[in-house]
Amino acid sequence: KADVSEELQVRELFGKIIEVFGSLDILVNNAGTSKDENIFETNLDSFKRLMDINLTSTFLCAKEAMQIMKDKKYGRIIQISSVV
């Protein structure tokens, strides 16, 4: 369990994956959220949180996974986007 928009938590998560499973072959990035607000209703903090969950988390998880996959010269990453 981790907040995948937080770099330290992502590092710890991937460390635990290696500790428990010994390897990583595939990552499916499927975290995402949306708000039913228009631009006039959305404040900057809300916008930043959306970006952290939808984009930053994808970057952080892919970066950690790619480091593991690079070392073993094998791996797959699947990115799933929202309907929004």
PDB file of N, CA and C in Angstrom:
ATOM      1  N   LYS A   1       0.858  -1.176   0.000  1.00  0.00           N
ATOM      2  CA  LYS A   1       0.000   0.000   0.000  1.00  0.00           C
ATOM      3  C   LYS A   1       0.896   1.227   0.000  1.00  0.00           C
ATOM      4  N   ALA A   2       0.601   2.154  -0.921  1.00  0.00           N
ATOM      5  CA  ALA A   2       1.417   3.353  -1.017  1.00  0.00           C
ATOM      6  C   ALA A   2       0.663   4.451  -1.747  1.00  0.00           C
ATOM      7  N   ASP A   3       1.030   5.682  -1.432  1.00  0.00           N
ATOM      8  CA  ASP A   3       0.566   6.827  -2.215  1.00  0.00           C
ATOM      9  C   ASP A   3       1.536   6.942  -3.383  1.00  0.00           C
ATOM     10  N   VAL A   4       1.128   6.510  -4.559  1.00  0.00           N
ATOM     11  CA  VAL A   4       2.032   6.449  -5.705  1.00  0.00           C
ATOM     12  C   VAL A   4       2.365   7.817  -6.294  1.00  0.00           C
ATOM     13  N   SER A   5       1.847   8.877  -5.696  1.00  0.00           N
ATOM     14  CA  SER A   5       2.256  10.222  -6.109  1.00  0.00           C
ATOM     15  C   SER A   5       3.398  10.738  -5.239  1.00  0.00           C
ATOM     16  N   GLU A   6       3.829   9.955  -4.264  1.00  0.00           N
ATOM     17  CA  GLU A   6       4.909  10.334  -3.351  1.00  0.00           C
ATOM     18  C   GLU A   6       6.155   9.505  -3.648  1.00  0.00           C
ATOM     19  N   GLU A   7       7.243  10.170  -4.035  1.00  0.00           N
ATOM     20  CA  GLU A   7       8.459   9.489  -4.491  1.00  0.00           C
ATOM     21  C   GLU A   7       9.021   8.500  -3.468  1.00  0.00           C
ATOM     22  N   LEU A   8       9.118   8.895  -2.217  1.00  0.00           N
ATOM     23  CA  LEU A   8       9.668   8.010  -1.199  1.00  0.00           C
ATOM     24  C   LEU A   8       8.809   6.758  -1.025  1.00  0.00           C
ATOM     25  N   GLN A   9       7.495   6.916  -1.033  1.00  0.00           N
ATOM     26  CA  GLN A   9       6.609   5.764  -0.887  1.00  0.00           C
ATOM     27  C   GLN A   9       6.720   4.826  -2.080  1.00  0.00           C
ATOM     28  N   VAL A  10       6.915   5.377  -3.270  1.00  0.00           N
ATOM     29  CA  VAL A  10       7.085   4.545  -4.464  1.00  0.00           C
ATOM     30  C   VAL A  10       8.389   3.758  -4.366  1.00  0.00           C
ATOM     31  N   ARG A  11       9.465   4.416  -3.953  1.00  0.00           N
ATOM     32  CA  ARG A  11      10.741   3.708  -3.782  1.00  0.00           C
ATOM     33  C   ARG A  11      10.611   2.567  -2.785  1.00  0.00           C
ATOM     34  N   GLU A  12       9.956   2.848  -1.666  1.00  0.00           N
ATOM     35  CA  GLU A  12       9.758   1.814  -0.647  1.00  0.00           C
ATOM     36  C   GLU A  12       8.897   0.674  -1.184  1.00  0.00           C
ATOM     37  N   LEU A  13       7.868   1.006  -1.939  1.00  0.00           N
ATOM     38  CA  LEU A  13       6.996  -0.001  -2.532  1.00  0.00           C
ATOM     39  C   LEU A  13       7.768  -0.939  -3.457  1.00  0.00           C
ATOM     40  N   PHE A  14       8.590  -0.364  -4.327  1.00  0.00           N
ATOM     41  CA  PHE A  14       9.345  -1.196  -5.257  1.00  0.00           C
ATOM     42  C   PHE A  14      10.442  -1.981  -4.540  1.00  0.00           C
ATOM     43  N   GLY A  15      10.982  -1.415  -3.479  1.00  0.00           N
ATOM     44  CA  GLY A  15      11.929  -2.163  -2.657  1.00  0.00           C
ATOM     45  C   GLY A  15      11.274  -3.376  -2.032  1.00  0.00           C
ATOM     46  N   LYS A  16      10.038  -3.196  -1.579  1.00  0.00           N
ATOM     47  CA  LYS A  16       9.281  -4.309  -0.987  1.00  0.00           C
ATOM     48  C   LYS A  16       8.958  -5.365  -2.046  1.00  0.00           C
ATOM     49  N   ILE A  17       8.655  -4.929  -3.256  1.00  0.00           N
ATOM     50  CA  ILE A  17       8.387  -5.877  -4.347  1.00  0.00           C
ATOM     51  C   ILE A  17       9.597  -6.769  -4.570  1.00  0.00           C
ATOM     52  N   ILE A  18      10.773  -6.177  -4.621  1.00  0.00           N
ATOM     53  CA  ILE A  18      11.992  -6.955  -4.828  1.00  0.00           C
ATOM     54  C   ILE A  18      12.264  -7.849  -3.625  1.00  0.00           C
ATOM     55  N   GLU A  19      12.035  -7.330  -2.427  1.00  0.00           N
ATOM     56  CA  GLU A  19      12.239  -8.112  -1.209  1.00  0.00           C
ATOM     57  C   GLU A  19      11.337  -9.345  -1.179  1.00  0.00           C
ATOM     58  N   VAL A  20      10.093  -9.189  -1.535  1.00  0.00           N
ATOM     59  CA  VAL A  20       9.118 -10.282  -1.449  1.00  0.00           C
ATOM     60  C   VAL A  20       9.198 -11.219  -2.654  1.00  0.00           C
ATOM     61  N   PHE A  21       9.282 -10.644  -3.868  1.00  0.00           N
ATOM     62  CA  PHE A  21       9.201 -11.453  -5.078  1.00  0.00           C
ATOM     63  C   PHE A  21      10.544 -11.677  -5.762  1.00  0.00           C
ATOM     64  N   GLY A  22      11.517 -10.858  -5.443  1.00  0.00           N
ATOM     65  CA  GLY A  22      12.847 -11.027  -6.010  1.00  0.00           C
ATOM     66  C   GLY A  22      13.049 -10.434  -7.392  1.00  0.00           C
ATOM     67  N   SER A  23      11.977 -10.036  -8.049  1.00  0.00           N
ATOM     68  CA  SER A  23      12.082  -9.524  -9.404  1.00  0.00           C
ATOM     69  C   SER A  23      10.803  -8.791  -9.779  1.00  0.00           C
ATOM     70  N   LEU A  24      10.861  -8.152 -10.941  1.00  0.00           N
ATOM     71  CA  LEU A  24       9.682  -7.478 -11.485  1.00  0.00           C
ATOM     72  C   LEU A  24       9.736  -7.604 -12.991  1.00  0.00           C
ATOM     73  N   ASP A  25       8.706  -8.174 -13.589  1.00  0.00           N
ATOM     74  CA  ASP A  25       8.655  -8.364 -15.038  1.00  0.00           C
ATOM     75  C   ASP A  25       7.685  -7.423 -15.730  1.00  0.00           C
ATOM     76  N   ILE A  26       6.640  -7.000 -15.005  1.00  0.00           N
ATOM     77  CA  ILE A  26       5.607  -6.176 -15.633  1.00  0.00           C
ATOM     78  C   ILE A  26       5.060  -5.163 -14.634  1.00  0.00           C
ATOM     79  N   LEU A  27       4.795  -3.976 -15.140  1.00  0.00           N
ATOM     80  CA  LEU A  27       4.141  -2.932 -14.360  1.00  0.00           C
ATOM     81  C   LEU A  27       2.908  -2.491 -15.130  1.00  0.00           C
ATOM     82  N   VAL A  28       1.790  -2.433 -14.458  1.00  0.00           N
ATOM     83  CA  VAL A  28       0.571  -1.871 -15.039  1.00  0.00           C
ATOM     84  C   VAL A  28       0.255  -0.604 -14.249  1.00  0.00           C
ATOM     85  N   ASN A  29       0.441   0.543 -14.875  1.00  0.00           N
ATOM     86  CA  ASN A  29       0.094   1.825 -14.254  1.00  0.00           C
ATOM     87  C   ASN A  29      -1.381   2.074 -14.506  1.00  0.00           C
ATOM     88  N   ASN A  30      -2.171   2.032 -13.436  1.00  0.00           N
ATOM     89  CA  ASN A  30      -3.612   2.157 -13.580  1.00  0.00           C
ATOM     90  C   ASN A  30      -4.211   3.049 -12.497  1.00  0.00           C
ATOM     91  N   ALA A  31      -3.401   3.914 -11.899  1.00  0.00           N
ATOM     92  CA  ALA A  31      -3.935   4.849 -10.907  1.00  0.00           C
ATOM     93  C   ALA A  31      -4.463   6.074 -11.631  1.00  0.00           C
ATOM     94  N   GLY A  32      -5.591   6.543 -11.218  1.00  0.00           N
ATOM     95  CA  GLY A  32      -6.137   7.742 -11.841  1.00  0.00           C
ATOM     96  C   GLY A  32      -7.356   8.231 -11.094  1.00  0.00           C
ATOM     97  N   THR A  33      -7.617   9.500 -11.288  1.00  0.00           N
ATOM     98  CA  THR A  33      -8.781  10.100 -10.656  1.00  0.00           C
ATOM     99  C   THR A  33      -9.269  11.264 -11.511  1.00  0.00           C
ATOM    100  N   SER A  34     -10.446  11.708 -11.255  1.00  0.00           N
ATOM    101  CA  SER A  34     -10.980  12.898 -11.924  1.00  0.00           C
ATOM    102  C   SER A  34     -11.947  13.588 -10.972  1.00  0.00           C
ATOM    103  N   LYS A  35     -12.243  14.816 -11.283  1.00  0.00           N
ATOM    104  CA  LYS A  35     -13.224  15.575 -10.507  1.00  0.00           C
ATOM    105  C   LYS A  35     -14.230  16.157 -11.483  1.00  0.00           C
ATOM    106  N   ASP A  36     -15.457  16.171 -11.074  1.00  0.00           N
ATOM    107  CA  ASP A  36     -16.508  16.726 -11.907  1.00  0.00           C
ATOM    108  C   ASP A  36     -16.621  18.230 -11.629  1.00  0.00           C
ATOM    109  N   GLU A  37     -15.571  18.950 -12.052  1.00  0.00           N
ATOM    110  CA  GLU A  37     -15.533  20.394 -11.865  1.00  0.00           C
ATOM    111  C   GLU A  37     -15.096  21.047 -13.173  1.00  0.00           C
ATOM    112  N   ASN A  38     -15.581  22.247 -13.410  1.00  0.00           N
ATOM    113  CA  ASN A  38     -15.054  22.987 -14.550  1.00  0.00           C
ATOM    114  C   ASN A  38     -13.871  23.827 -14.082  1.00  0.00           C
ATOM    115  N   ILE A  39     -13.199  24.459 -14.988  1.00  0.00           N
ATOM    116  CA  ILE A  39     -11.976  25.193 -14.653  1.00  0.00           C
ATOM    117  C   ILE A  39     -12.215  26.304 -13.639  1.00  0.00           C
ATOM    118  N   PHE A  40     -13.394  26.877 -13.640  1.00  0.00           N
ATOM    119  CA  PHE A  40     -13.697  27.964 -12.715  1.00  0.00           C
ATOM    120  C   PHE A  40     -13.934  27.470 -11.292  1.00  0.00           C
ATOM    121  N   GLU A  41     -14.285  26.206 -11.153  1.00  0.00           N
ATOM    122  CA  GLU A  41     -14.512  25.608  -9.834  1.00  0.00           C
ATOM    123  C   GLU A  41     -13.256  24.956  -9.269  1.00  0.00           C
ATOM    124  N   THR A  42     -12.247  24.722 -10.112  1.00  0.00           N
ATOM    125  CA  THR A  42     -11.047  24.001  -9.696  1.00  0.00           C
ATOM    126  C   THR A  42      -9.998  24.965  -9.161  1.00  0.00           C
ATOM    127  N   ASN A  43      -9.550  24.714  -7.936  1.00  0.00           N
ATOM    128  CA  ASN A  43      -8.469  25.540  -7.393  1.00  0.00           C
ATOM    129  C   ASN A  43      -7.127  24.873  -7.701  1.00  0.00           C
ATOM    130  N   LEU A  44      -6.055  25.590  -7.468  1.00  0.00           N
ATOM    131  CA  LEU A  44      -4.726  25.104  -7.834  1.00  0.00           C
ATOM    132  C   LEU A  44      -4.347  23.841  -7.063  1.00  0.00           C
ATOM    133  N   ASP A  45      -4.673  23.771  -5.787  1.00  0.00           N
ATOM    134  CA  ASP A  45      -4.348  22.571  -5.006  1.00  0.00           C
ATOM    135  C   ASP A  45      -5.051  21.340  -5.564  1.00  0.00           C
ATOM    136  N   SER A  46      -6.298  21.486  -5.936  1.00  0.00           N
ATOM    137  CA  SER A  46      -7.054  20.382  -6.518  1.00  0.00           C
ATOM    138  C   SER A  46      -6.442  19.954  -7.858  1.00  0.00           C
ATOM    139  N   PHE A  47      -6.067  20.931  -8.669  1.00  0.00           N
ATOM    140  CA  PHE A  47      -5.443  20.637  -9.955  1.00  0.00           C
ATOM    141  C   PHE A  47      -4.121  19.902  -9.758  1.00  0.00           C
ATOM    142  N   LYS A  48      -3.297  20.376  -8.823  1.00  0.00           N
ATOM    143  CA  LYS A  48      -2.008  19.726  -8.559  1.00  0.00           C
ATOM    144  C   LYS A  48      -2.207  18.286  -8.085  1.00  0.00           C
ATOM    145  N   ARG A  49      -3.195  18.048  -7.270  1.00  0.00           N
ATOM    146  CA  ARG A  49      -3.467  16.680  -6.787  1.00  0.00           C
ATOM    147  C   ARG A  49      -3.865  15.778  -7.953  1.00  0.00           C
ATOM    148  N   LEU A  50      -4.696  16.283  -8.856  1.00  0.00           N
ATOM    149  CA  LEU A  50      -5.071  15.511 -10.047  1.00  0.00           C
ATOM    150  C   LEU A  50      -3.834  15.158 -10.878  1.00  0.00           C
ATOM    151  N   MET A  51      -2.963  16.126 -11.071  1.00  0.00           N
ATOM    152  CA  MET A  51      -1.742  15.891 -11.853  1.00  0.00           C
ATOM    153  C   MET A  51      -0.815  14.901 -11.154  1.00  0.00           C
ATOM    154  N   ASP A  52      -0.725  15.013  -9.827  1.00  0.00           N
ATOM    155  CA  ASP A  52       0.119  14.071  -9.078  1.00  0.00           C
ATOM    156  C   ASP A  52      -0.376  12.635  -9.209  1.00  0.00           C
ATOM    157  N   ILE A  53      -1.664  12.453  -9.098  1.00  0.00           N
ATOM    158  CA  ILE A  53      -2.221  11.101  -9.182  1.00  0.00           C
ATOM    159  C   ILE A  53      -2.165  10.581 -10.616  1.00  0.00           C
ATOM    160  N   ASN A  54      -2.548  11.393 -11.576  1.00  0.00           N
ATOM    161  CA  ASN A  54      -2.659  10.926 -12.957  1.00  0.00           C
ATOM    162  C   ASN A  54      -1.336  10.906 -13.720  1.00  0.00           C
ATOM    163  N   LEU A  55      -0.421  11.810 -13.414  1.00  0.00           N
ATOM    164  CA  LEU A  55       0.824  11.904 -14.188  1.00  0.00           C
ATOM    165  C   LEU A  55       2.072  11.595 -13.368  1.00  0.00           C
ATOM    166  N   THR A  56       2.231  12.265 -12.234  1.00  0.00           N
ATOM    167  CA  THR A  56       3.434  12.055 -11.432  1.00  0.00           C
ATOM    168  C   THR A  56       3.562  10.604 -11.006  1.00  0.00           C
ATOM    169  N   SER A  57       2.471   9.993 -10.600  1.00  0.00           N
ATOM    170  CA  SER A  57       2.520   8.593 -10.165  1.00  0.00           C
ATOM    171  C   SER A  57       2.967   7.672 -11.301  1.00  0.00           C
ATOM    172  N   THR A  58       2.523   7.941 -12.498  1.00  0.00           N
ATOM    173  CA  THR A  58       2.925   7.149 -13.658  1.00  0.00           C
ATOM    174  C   THR A  58       4.422   7.265 -13.895  1.00  0.00           C
ATOM    175  N   PHE A  59       4.930   8.486 -13.833  1.00  0.00           N
ATOM    176  CA  PHE A  59       6.361   8.723 -13.995  1.00  0.00           C
ATOM    177  C   PHE A  59       7.173   8.014 -12.916  1.00  0.00           C
ATOM    178  N   LEU A  60       6.779   8.190 -11.656  1.00  0.00           N
ATOM    179  CA  LEU A  60       7.547   7.608 -10.554  1.00  0.00           C
ATOM    180  C   LEU A  60       7.571   6.080 -10.610  1.00  0.00           C
ATOM    181  N   CYS A  61       6.431   5.478 -10.862  1.00  0.00           N
ATOM    182  CA  CYS A  61       6.375   4.014 -10.916  1.00  0.00           C
ATOM    183  C   CYS A  61       7.133   3.477 -12.122  1.00  0.00           C
ATOM    184  N   ALA A  62       6.985   4.125 -13.261  1.00  0.00           N
ATOM    185  CA  ALA A  62       7.710   3.677 -14.453  1.00  0.00           C
ATOM    186  C   ALA A  62       9.216   3.799 -14.239  1.00  0.00           C
ATOM    187  N   LYS A  63       9.643   4.881 -13.615  1.00  0.00           N
ATOM    188  CA  LYS A  63      11.072   5.087 -13.366  1.00  0.00           C
ATOM    189  C   LYS A  63      11.639   3.978 -12.483  1.00  0.00           C
ATOM    190  N   GLU A  64      10.964   3.654 -11.406  1.00  0.00           N
ATOM    191  CA  GLU A  64      11.433   2.590 -10.504  1.00  0.00           C
ATOM    192  C   GLU A  64      11.410   1.234 -11.202  1.00  0.00           C
ATOM    193  N   ALA A  65      10.340   0.957 -11.920  1.00  0.00           N
ATOM    194  CA  ALA A  65      10.238  -0.322 -12.626  1.00  0.00           C
ATOM    195  C   ALA A  65      11.317  -0.447 -13.695  1.00  0.00           C
ATOM    196  N   MET A  66      11.556   0.629 -14.423  1.00  0.00           N
ATOM    197  CA  MET A  66      12.555   0.593 -15.489  1.00  0.00           C
ATOM    198  C   MET A  66      13.958   0.352 -14.957  1.00  0.00           C
ATOM    199  N   GLN A  67      14.251   0.836 -13.760  1.00  0.00           N
ATOM    200  CA  GLN A  67      15.560   0.588 -13.169  1.00  0.00           C
ATOM    201  C   GLN A  67      15.752  -0.912 -12.922  1.00  0.00           C
ATOM    202  N   ILE A  68      14.733  -1.542 -12.405  1.00  0.00           N
ATOM    203  CA  ILE A  68      14.792  -2.984 -12.166  1.00  0.00           C
ATOM    204  C   ILE A  68      14.868  -3.738 -13.489  1.00  0.00           C
ATOM    205  N   MET A  69      14.030  -3.354 -14.432  1.00  0.00           N
ATOM    206  CA  MET A  69      13.974  -4.033 -15.726  1.00  0.00           C
ATOM    207  C   MET A  69      15.249  -3.814 -16.531  1.00  0.00           C
ATOM    208  N   LYS A  70      15.839  -2.637 -16.422  1.00  0.00           N
ATOM    209  CA  LYS A  70      17.083  -2.343 -17.135  1.00  0.00           C
ATOM    210  C   LYS A  70      18.191  -3.271 -16.670  1.00  0.00           C
ATOM    211  N   ASP A  71      18.289  -3.469 -15.375  1.00  0.00           N
ATOM    212  CA  ASP A  71      19.331  -4.322 -14.823  1.00  0.00           C
ATOM    213  C   ASP A  71      19.191  -5.775 -15.278  1.00  0.00           C
ATOM    214  N   LYS A  72      17.952  -6.236 -15.449  1.00  0.00           N
ATOM    215  CA  LYS A  72      17.743  -7.619 -15.892  1.00  0.00           C
ATOM    216  C   LYS A  72      17.536  -7.723 -17.402  1.00  0.00           C
ATOM    217  N   LYS A  73      17.511  -6.559 -18.081  1.00  0.00           N
ATOM    218  CA  LYS A  73      17.351  -6.487 -19.535  1.00  0.00           C
ATOM    219  C   LYS A  73      16.043  -7.125 -20.029  1.00  0.00           C
ATOM    220  N   TYR A  74      15.003  -6.961 -19.228  1.00  0.00           N
ATOM    221  CA  TYR A  74      13.689  -7.477 -19.615  1.00  0.00           C
ATOM    222  C   TYR A  74      12.611  -6.781 -18.789  1.00  0.00           C
ATOM    223  N   GLY A  75      11.475  -6.544 -19.400  1.00  0.00           N
ATOM    224  CA  GLY A  75      10.328  -6.034 -18.676  1.00  0.00           C
ATOM    225  C   GLY A  75       9.314  -5.396 -19.608  1.00  0.00           C
ATOM    226  N   ARG A  76       8.120  -5.227 -19.093  1.00  0.00           N
ATOM    227  CA  ARG A  76       7.028  -4.610 -19.841  1.00  0.00           C
ATOM    228  C   ARG A  76       6.315  -3.617 -18.938  1.00  0.00           C
ATOM    229  N   ILE A  77       5.923  -2.484 -19.520  1.00  0.00           N
ATOM    230  CA  ILE A  77       5.133  -1.484 -18.794  1.00  0.00           C
ATOM    231  C   ILE A  77       3.892  -1.183 -19.613  1.00  0.00           C
ATOM    232  N   ILE A  78       2.763  -1.259 -18.967  1.00  0.00           N
ATOM    233  CA  ILE A  78       1.473  -0.962 -19.597  1.00  0.00           C
ATOM    234  C   ILE A  78       0.894   0.269 -18.906  1.00  0.00           C
ATOM    235  N   GLN A  79       0.609   1.289 -19.699  1.00  0.00           N
ATOM    236  CA  GLN A  79       0.008   2.514 -19.175  1.00  0.00           C
ATOM    237  C   GLN A  79      -1.468   2.515 -19.576  1.00  0.00           C
ATOM    238  N   ILE A  80      -2.327   2.693 -18.604  1.00  0.00           N
ATOM    239  CA  ILE A  80      -3.771   2.764 -18.857  1.00  0.00           C
ATOM    240  C   ILE A  80      -4.221   4.166 -18.512  1.00  0.00           C
ATOM    241  N   SER A  81      -4.900   4.826 -19.446  1.00  0.00           N
ATOM    242  CA  SER A  81      -5.364   6.182 -19.188  1.00  0.00           C
ATOM    243  C   SER A  81      -6.861   6.186 -18.926  1.00  0.00           C
ATOM    244  N   SER A  82      -7.312   7.295 -18.432  1.00  0.00           N
ATOM    245  CA  SER A  82      -8.712   7.433 -18.077  1.00  0.00           C
ATOM    246  C   SER A  82      -9.551   7.819 -19.300  1.00  0.00           C
ATOM    247  N   VAL A  83     -10.825   7.666 -19.180  1.00  0.00           N
ATOM    248  CA  VAL A  83     -11.728   8.075 -20.264  1.00  0.00           C
ATOM    249  C   VAL A  83     -11.807   9.583 -20.368  1.00  0.00           C
ATOM    250  N   VAL A  84     -11.367  10.283 -19.325  1.00  0.00           N
ATOM    251  CA  VAL A  84     -11.392  11.734 -19.324  1.00  0.00           C
ATOM    252  C   VAL A  84     -10.314  12.237 -20.250  1.00  0.00           C
TER     253      VAL A  84
END
